[in-house]
Amino acid sequence: MDLKEQLKNLFPDHQNIDNEDGAIKEEGIWLQDDPIICKYEKRKGKPITILEGYNGAESDFKKLAKELKTKLSVGGSIKGETIILQGDYRDRIMEILKDKGFKVKRVGG
């Protein structure tokens, strides 16, 4: 029995409530109304994918980056408010983010 089932047993009348601005927190990651921008660049001759535009908490941002890196089995980093992943994985990243409930906008190519 996981924690959610235990909490449902303890508090059967509890309802999940949306946040004040209409965005919903799902699976521990903040979902936003604005789209995340997915770009492709080459740096020093090597392809990279850049994700920008996430405006949630920094801990959720790190969690999202780690999840993307493990699902794609690639390296990457977080610099400022961007996630940089090694390789051109725009299509797969967009599918993963859409499945999680994010809006994604593809930029370039």
Protein backbone atom coordinates (compact mmCIF):
# COMPACT_ATOMS: atom_id res chain seq x y z
CA MET A 1 0.00 0.00 0.00
CA ASP A 2 1.56 3.31 -1.04
CA LEU A 3 1.26 6.66 0.69
CA LYS A 4 -1.63 7.96 -1.45
CA GLU A 5 -3.78 4.93 -0.66
CA GLN A 6 -3.02 5.30 3.06
CA LEU A 7 -4.01 8.98 2.94
CA LYS A 8 -7.26 8.12 1.11
CA ASN A 9 -8.06 5.65 3.88
CA LEU A 10 -7.37 8.24 6.58
CA PHE A 11 -9.13 11.16 4.81
CA PRO A 12 -11.82 9.77 2.47
CA ASP A 13 -13.56 13.17 2.06
CA HIS A 14 -10.46 15.07 0.91
CA GLN A 15 -10.59 16.59 -2.60
CA ASN A 16 -7.55 17.74 -4.60
CA ILE A 17 -7.85 21.47 -5.28
CA ASP A 18 -6.37 23.39 -8.22
CA ASN A 19 -3.85 26.11 -7.44
CA GLU A 20 -4.86 29.78 -7.43
CA ASP A 21 -3.70 30.55 -10.98
CA GLY A 22 -5.30 27.46 -12.55
CA ALA A 23 -2.16 25.38 -12.99
CA ILE A 24 -2.22 21.93 -11.43
CA LYS A 25 0.64 20.24 -9.63
CA GLU A 26 0.81 16.67 -10.91
CA GLU A 27 3.30 13.96 -9.96
CA GLY A 28 5.30 16.52 -7.98
CA ILE A 29 6.07 18.73 -11.00
CA TRP A 30 4.49 22.14 -11.56
CA LEU A 31 2.45 22.33 -14.79
CA GLN A 32 2.28 25.77 -16.36
CA ASP A 33 0.06 27.53 -18.86
CA ASP A 34 2.87 28.95 -21.05
CA PRO A 35 4.58 26.55 -23.48
CA ILE A 36 8.10 25.25 -22.94
CA ILE A 37 10.33 26.16 -25.88
CA CYS A 38 12.32 23.29 -27.39
CA LYS A 39 15.31 24.41 -29.53
CA TYR A 40 18.07 22.66 -31.45
CA GLU A 41 21.59 24.07 -31.75
CA LYS A 42 25.09 22.95 -32.57
CA ARG A 43 27.86 23.92 -30.23
CA LYS A 44 31.44 23.06 -31.15
CA GLY A 45 30.05 20.86 -33.95
CA LYS A 46 27.93 18.72 -31.63
CA PRO A 47 24.10 18.77 -31.53
CA ILE A 48 22.28 19.82 -28.37
CA THR A 49 18.63 20.31 -27.42
CA ILE A 50 17.71 23.31 -25.28
CA LEU A 51 14.52 23.65 -23.21
CA GLU A 52 13.53 27.12 -22.03
CA GLY A 53 10.52 28.83 -20.53
CA TYR A 54 9.76 26.77 -17.41
CA ASN A 55 8.59 29.11 -14.64
CA GLY A 56 8.00 26.72 -11.75
CA ALA A 57 10.11 26.07 -8.68
CA GLU A 58 13.79 25.27 -9.06
CA SER A 59 13.40 21.88 -7.36
CA ASP A 60 10.68 20.89 -9.86
CA PHE A 61 12.90 22.14 -12.69
CA LYS A 62 15.75 19.91 -11.52
CA LYS A 63 13.37 16.98 -11.13
CA LEU A 64 12.09 17.47 -14.69
CA ALA A 65 15.64 17.67 -16.08
CA LYS A 66 16.70 14.51 -14.27
CA GLU A 67 13.64 12.63 -15.50
CA LEU A 68 14.28 13.67 -19.11
CA LYS A 69 17.95 12.68 -18.89
CA THR A 70 17.14 9.24 -17.48
CA LYS A 71 14.31 8.51 -19.94
CA LEU A 72 16.49 9.50 -22.92
CA SER A 73 19.69 8.01 -21.46
CA VAL A 74 21.71 11.10 -22.34
CA GLY A 75 23.87 13.61 -20.53
CA GLY A 76 22.91 17.17 -19.91
CA SER A 77 22.97 20.07 -17.52
CA ILE A 78 20.95 22.92 -16.07
CA LYS A 79 22.28 26.43 -16.63
CA GLY A 80 20.20 29.29 -15.32
CA GLU A 81 16.65 28.67 -16.48
CA THR A 82 17.49 26.28 -19.32
CA ILE A 83 17.91 22.53 -19.61
CA ILE A 84 20.65 21.49 -22.05
CA LEU A 85 20.59 17.88 -23.30
CA GLN A 86 23.25 16.28 -25.49
CA GLY A 87 21.94 15.25 -28.91
CA ASP A 88 18.88 16.05 -31.04
CA TYR A 89 15.93 14.57 -29.14
CA ARG A 90 13.27 17.22 -29.83
CA ASP A 91 10.59 14.77 -31.00
CA ARG A 92 10.99 12.40 -28.05
CA ILE A 93 11.22 15.26 -25.55
CA MET A 94 8.05 16.82 -26.92
CA GLU A 95 6.19 13.49 -26.61
CA ILE A 96 7.37 12.99 -23.01
CA LEU A 97 6.40 16.53 -21.98
CA LYS A 98 3.00 16.35 -23.70
CA ASP A 99 2.27 13.05 -21.93
CA LYS A 100 3.05 14.79 -18.62
CA GLY A 101 0.60 17.60 -19.50
CA PHE A 102 2.96 20.39 -20.60
CA LYS A 103 2.49 22.57 -23.65
CA VAL A 104 5.58 22.45 -25.85
CA LYS A 105 6.59 24.72 -28.74
CA ARG A 106 9.21 23.62 -31.25
CA VAL A 107 11.55 26.36 -32.45
CA GLY A 108 13.80 26.05 -35.51
CA GLY A 109 13.95 23.30 -38.10
